[in-house]
């Protein structure tokens, strides 16, 4: 199979994963969406079905995602889920204390992903539809907080991505962004001052492992006017988010202690 064929096959799976495909996808709709020829698309779909990642309904002739895809999700989420479960009470603490939107984020390769999100409880809230951009590593407090505490080699891989301009204040210059990361590391936290979404101010703190390297971040987003009108409100958000970040950090030290106890027990 050629590189182009593999890419087309993955594009088909991406289409199923990113589209509302609960009602199935017809061969005609797939070809129209992806610009494939009918014969080529039929051949690729048949191969994917043979491997068990899709299946074709006999009556409707439409294609659906199979349970095999769900198994991939289950395997990849096992280790993450224990971390999310541990973090959740501290996310809720920030949510209770501020009433604002709270995010637990991490990187999957060079993509910024949201592990858990709690929506704002205020009548005026941040539009969470804008907060799942995997290409906004440079424009969000959550992404910047993690990047500032990664090894340079890891930073370098992620910074090869395009610096998309989301608003007028988005940093799109690599050298300037590296200086921004230095400032973040000195302060211990990152801010997003309308860099991702106009009218939104966000603070983010890194979640650090035993080597003081970031594995995730916790961030809190609020409408910008609240920060402008009440400086004490910003301090409240900063303190609440920081305290929860410090508590979540303990997850990794507890894991080390558990592993050490297990090793000592086996040695005995």
Protein backbone atom coordinates (compact mmCIF):
# COMPACT_ATOMS: atom_id res chain seq x y z
CA UNK A 1 0.00 0.00 0.00
CA UNK A 2 1.37 3.42 -0.99
CA UNK A 3 1.69 6.42 1.33
CA UNK A 4 -1.16 8.13 -0.54
CA UNK A 5 -3.41 5.09 -0.07
CA UNK A 6 -2.65 5.00 3.66
CA UNK A 7 -3.37 8.72 3.92
CA UNK A 8 -6.69 8.33 2.10
CA UNK A 9 -7.65 5.41 4.34
CA UNK A 10 -6.89 7.46 7.45
CA UNK A 11 -8.87 10.37 5.98
CA UNK A 12 -11.88 8.05 5.76
CA UNK A 13 -11.53 7.06 9.42
CA UNK A 14 -11.06 10.73 10.37
CA UNK A 15 -14.26 11.53 8.51
CA UNK A 16 -16.16 8.93 10.50
CA UNK A 17 -14.65 10.11 13.79
CA UNK A 18 -15.21 13.83 13.16
CA UNK A 19 -18.65 13.66 11.55
CA UNK A 20 -22.09 12.91 12.93
CA UNK A 21 -22.07 9.35 11.67
CA UNK A 22 -24.46 7.65 14.09
CA UNK A 23 -26.93 7.29 11.22
CA UNK A 24 -24.23 5.86 8.98
CA UNK A 25 -22.43 7.17 5.91
CA UNK A 26 -23.29 6.25 2.33
CA UNK A 27 -20.65 5.68 -0.33
CA UNK A 28 -22.05 8.65 -2.25
CA UNK A 29 -21.81 11.02 0.75
CA UNK A 30 -18.26 9.90 1.52
CA UNK A 31 -17.11 10.47 -2.05
CA UNK A 32 -18.71 13.91 -2.11
CA UNK A 33 -17.16 14.93 1.24
CA UNK A 34 -13.64 13.66 0.51
CA UNK A 35 -13.53 14.04 -3.26
CA UNK A 36 -12.84 10.34 -3.88
CA UNK A 37 -13.76 8.37 -6.98
CA UNK A 38 -16.50 5.84 -6.30
CA UNK A 39 -14.46 2.78 -7.32
CA UNK A 40 -11.43 3.78 -5.20
CA UNK A 41 -13.58 4.65 -2.18
CA UNK A 42 -15.47 1.36 -2.44
CA UNK A 43 -12.20 -0.58 -2.49
CA UNK A 44 -10.82 1.27 0.57
CA UNK A 45 -14.09 0.88 2.50
CA UNK A 46 -14.13 -2.84 1.75
CA UNK A 47 -10.57 -3.17 3.08
CA UNK A 48 -11.39 -1.20 6.24
CA UNK A 49 -14.48 -3.34 6.80
CA UNK A 50 -12.45 -6.51 6.27
CA UNK A 51 -10.04 -5.35 8.98
CA UNK A 52 -12.98 -4.74 11.30
CA UNK A 53 -12.82 -0.98 11.79
CA UNK A 54 -16.05 -0.29 9.89
CA UNK A 55 -19.06 -2.40 8.99
CA UNK A 56 -21.67 -2.13 6.26
CA UNK A 57 -25.34 -2.37 7.14
CA UNK A 58 -27.03 -4.93 4.89
CA UNK A 59 -30.32 -3.06 4.51
CA UNK A 60 -29.30 0.60 4.32
CA UNK A 61 -25.96 -0.09 2.59
CA UNK A 62 -24.44 2.57 4.86
CA UNK A 63 -21.13 2.27 6.71
CA UNK A 64 -20.70 2.54 10.49
CA UNK A 65 -17.81 2.61 12.96
CA UNK A 66 -17.29 -0.79 14.58
CA UNK A 67 -16.68 -1.71 18.21
CA UNK A 68 -13.01 -2.30 17.34
CA UNK A 69 -12.49 1.48 17.20
CA UNK A 70 -13.97 1.76 20.71
CA UNK A 71 -11.39 -0.75 21.96
CA UNK A 72 -8.61 1.57 20.77
CA UNK A 73 -10.18 4.39 22.76
CA UNK A 74 -10.48 2.19 25.85
CA UNK A 75 -6.84 1.11 25.72
CA UNK A 76 -5.51 4.65 25.20
CA UNK A 77 -7.65 6.12 27.97
CA UNK A 78 -6.82 3.65 30.76
CA UNK A 79 -3.83 5.52 32.21
CA UNK A 80 -5.36 8.94 31.50
CA UNK A 81 -8.58 8.08 33.27
CA UNK A 82 -6.94 7.47 36.65
CA UNK A 83 -5.22 10.87 36.34
CA UNK A 84 -8.49 12.57 35.36
CA UNK A 85 -10.33 10.89 38.24
CA UNK A 86 -7.66 12.07 40.69
CA UNK A 87 -7.76 15.62 39.28
CA UNK A 88 -11.54 16.02 39.12
CA UNK A 89 -12.12 17.06 42.78
CA UNK A 90 -9.55 19.85 42.37
CA UNK A 91 -11.13 20.99 39.10
CA UNK A 92 -14.45 21.12 40.92
CA UNK A 93 -12.82 23.15 43.70
CA UNK A 94 -11.77 25.86 41.22
CA UNK A 95 -15.21 25.73 39.63
CA UNK A 96 -16.89 26.13 43.05
CA UNK A 97 -14.61 28.98 44.13
CA UNK A 98 -14.78 30.96 40.88
CA UNK A 99 -17.83 29.74 39.01
CA UNK A 100 -15.79 29.98 35.81
CA UNK A 101 -14.91 27.42 33.12
CA UNK A 102 -12.11 25.04 34.14
CA UNK A 103 -10.00 22.85 31.86
CA UNK A 104 -7.56 19.99 32.35
CA UNK A 105 -5.39 19.77 29.25
CA UNK A 106 -2.44 17.81 27.91
CA UNK A 107 -0.55 17.09 24.71
CA UNK A 108 -1.02 13.99 22.57
CA UNK A 109 2.09 14.09 20.43
CA UNK A 110 2.05 17.66 19.13
CA UNK A 111 -1.71 18.17 19.58
CA UNK A 112 -3.21 20.01 22.54
CA UNK A 113 -6.20 18.10 23.87
CA UNK A 114 -8.80 18.69 26.58
CA UNK A 115 -8.91 15.85 29.12
CA UNK A 116 -11.73 17.29 31.19
CA UNK A 117 -13.82 20.45 31.12
CA UNK A 118 -16.20 21.99 33.66
CA UNK A 119 -18.46 24.71 32.31
CA UNK A 120 -19.00 28.06 33.98
CA UNK A 121 -21.95 28.35 36.31
CA UNK A 122 -22.38 32.10 35.70
CA UNK A 123 -25.13 33.48 33.42
CA UNK A 124 -22.43 35.18 31.30
CA UNK A 125 -19.87 32.56 30.39
CA UNK A 126 -17.07 31.68 28.02
CA UNK A 127 -18.22 29.96 24.82
CA UNK A 128 -16.77 26.48 25.29
CA UNK A 129 -17.28 25.70 21.62
CA UNK A 130 -14.06 27.60 21.00
CA UNK A 131 -12.03 25.74 23.60
CA UNK A 132 -11.17 22.48 21.89
CA UNK A 133 -8.69 23.65 19.25
CA UNK A 134 -5.79 21.22 19.01
CA UNK A 135 -3.83 23.77 16.95
CA UNK A 136 -4.03 26.50 19.61
CA UNK A 137 -0.96 25.45 21.61
CA UNK A 138 0.47 28.98 21.32
CA UNK A 139 -2.74 30.90 21.93
CA UNK A 140 -4.07 29.31 25.13
CA UNK A 141 -2.93 29.54 28.74
CA UNK A 142 -3.27 25.76 29.01
CA UNK A 143 -0.95 25.13 26.06
CA UNK A 144 1.62 27.74 27.04
CA UNK A 145 1.73 26.55 30.67
CA UNK A 146 2.69 23.06 29.50
CA UNK A 147 5.14 24.17 26.81
CA UNK A 148 7.12 26.36 29.22
CA UNK A 149 7.92 23.29 31.35
CA UNK A 150 8.86 20.82 28.61
CA UNK A 151 12.35 19.83 27.49
CA UNK A 152 13.60 21.94 24.60
CA UNK A 153 13.55 18.89 22.30
CA UNK A 154 9.84 18.40 23.05
CA UNK A 155 9.13 22.10 22.65
CA UNK A 156 10.88 22.10 19.31
CA UNK A 157 8.68 19.33 17.91
CA UNK A 158 5.47 21.10 18.92
CA UNK A 159 6.68 24.50 17.73
CA UNK A 160 7.07 23.11 14.22
CA UNK A 161 3.28 23.41 13.97
CA UNK A 162 1.78 26.44 12.29
CA UNK A 163 1.19 29.48 14.49
CA UNK A 164 -2.40 30.27 13.52
CA UNK A 165 -3.63 33.79 14.22
CA UNK A 166 -6.89 33.49 16.14
CA UNK A 167 -7.17 37.14 17.25
CA UNK A 168 -5.22 40.37 16.92
CA UNK A 169 -3.24 39.53 20.08
CA UNK A 170 -2.24 35.96 19.15
CA UNK A 171 1.54 35.46 19.20
CA UNK A 172 2.55 34.13 15.79
CA UNK A 173 6.30 34.82 15.85
CA UNK A 174 8.34 31.80 17.05
CA UNK A 175 11.22 33.82 18.58
CA UNK A 176 8.82 36.08 20.43
CA UNK A 177 6.88 33.04 21.62
CA UNK A 178 10.04 31.44 23.06
CA UNK A 179 10.62 34.64 25.05
CA UNK A 180 7.04 34.35 26.26
CA UNK A 181 7.73 30.80 27.49
CA UNK A 182 10.77 32.05 29.45
CA UNK A 183 8.58 34.63 31.18
CA UNK A 184 5.99 31.97 31.99
CA UNK A 185 8.58 29.72 33.60
CA UNK A 186 9.82 32.60 35.76
CA UNK A 187 6.27 33.49 36.86
CA UNK A 188 5.10 29.91 37.24
CA UNK A 189 1.91 30.36 35.23
CA UNK A 190 0.62 31.45 31.83
CA UNK A 191 -2.08 33.86 30.73
CA UNK A 192 -4.13 34.13 27.57
CA UNK A 193 -5.28 37.73 27.23
CA UNK A 194 -7.77 37.47 24.35
CA UNK A 195 -5.15 35.54 22.34
CA UNK A 196 -7.48 32.69 21.46
CA UNK A 197 -10.92 34.20 21.74
CA UNK A 198 -11.87 37.86 21.91
CA UNK A 199 -13.35 38.90 25.23
CA UNK A 200 -11.86 35.94 27.13
CA UNK A 201 -9.06 36.02 29.71
CA UNK A 202 -7.51 32.76 30.92
CA UNK A 203 -4.86 31.67 33.42
CA UNK A 204 -3.09 28.32 33.31
CA UNK A 205 -0.77 26.46 35.68
CA UNK A 206 1.37 23.45 34.74
CA UNK A 207 0.91 20.03 36.31
CA UNK A 208 4.45 18.83 36.98
CA UNK A 209 5.82 15.33 37.42
CA UNK A 210 8.62 14.22 39.76
CA UNK A 211 11.19 15.66 37.33
CA UNK A 212 9.54 19.08 37.30
CA UNK A 213 8.40 18.57 33.71
CA UNK A 214 4.86 19.40 32.61
CA UNK A 215 2.50 16.55 31.77
CA UNK A 216 -0.71 18.58 31.81
CA UNK A 217 -2.17 21.91 32.85
CA UNK A 218 -5.18 23.29 34.68
CA UNK A 219 -6.68 26.53 33.42
CA UNK A 220 -9.56 28.83 34.29
CA UNK A 221 -11.27 31.07 31.73
CA UNK A 222 -13.39 34.14 32.45
CA UNK A 223 -14.94 37.00 30.48
CA UNK A 224 -12.33 39.77 30.13
CA UNK A 225 -14.60 42.52 31.48
CA UNK A 226 -14.66 40.81 34.89
CA UNK A 227 -10.86 41.01 35.10
CA UNK A 228 -10.82 44.66 34.03
CA UNK A 229 -13.53 45.70 36.48
CA UNK A 230 -12.19 43.80 39.49
CA UNK A 231 -8.45 43.15 39.94
CA UNK A 232 -9.18 41.15 43.10
CA UNK A 233 -11.18 38.74 40.96
CA UNK A 234 -8.06 37.93 38.92
CA UNK A 235 -6.14 37.25 42.14
CA UNK A 236 -8.95 34.95 43.27
CA UNK A 237 -8.77 32.96 40.03
CA UNK A 238 -4.96 32.79 40.16
CA UNK A 239 -4.86 31.54 43.76
CA UNK A 240 -7.63 28.99 43.25
CA UNK A 241 -6.10 27.56 40.07
CA UNK A 242 -2.58 27.51 41.55
CA UNK A 243 -3.70 25.68 44.70
CA UNK A 244 -5.46 23.00 42.68
CA UNK A 245 -2.43 22.62 40.40
CA UNK A 246 -0.23 21.98 43.43
CA UNK A 247 -2.66 19.37 44.70
CA UNK A 248 -2.83 17.59 41.34
CA UNK A 249 1.00 17.54 41.22
CA UNK A 250 0.89 15.14 44.17
CA UNK A 251 -0.61 12.47 41.89
CA UNK A 252 2.82 11.70 40.46
CA UNK A 253 4.56 11.58 43.83
CA UNK A 254 1.90 9.19 45.10
CA UNK A 255 2.50 6.97 42.07
CA UNK A 256 6.24 6.89 42.83
CA UNK A 257 5.55 6.01 46.47
CA UNK A 258 3.22 3.20 45.41
CA UNK A 259 5.80 1.83 42.97
CA UNK A 260 8.55 2.04 45.61
CA UNK A 261 6.41 0.18 48.14
CA UNK A 262 5.67 -2.48 45.54
CA UNK A 263 9.36 -2.89 44.72
CA UNK A 264 10.28 -3.08 48.41
CA UNK A 265 7.57 -5.66 49.01
CA UNK A 266 8.82 -7.80 46.11
CA UNK A 267 12.41 -7.48 47.35
CA UNK A 268 11.38 -8.66 50.79
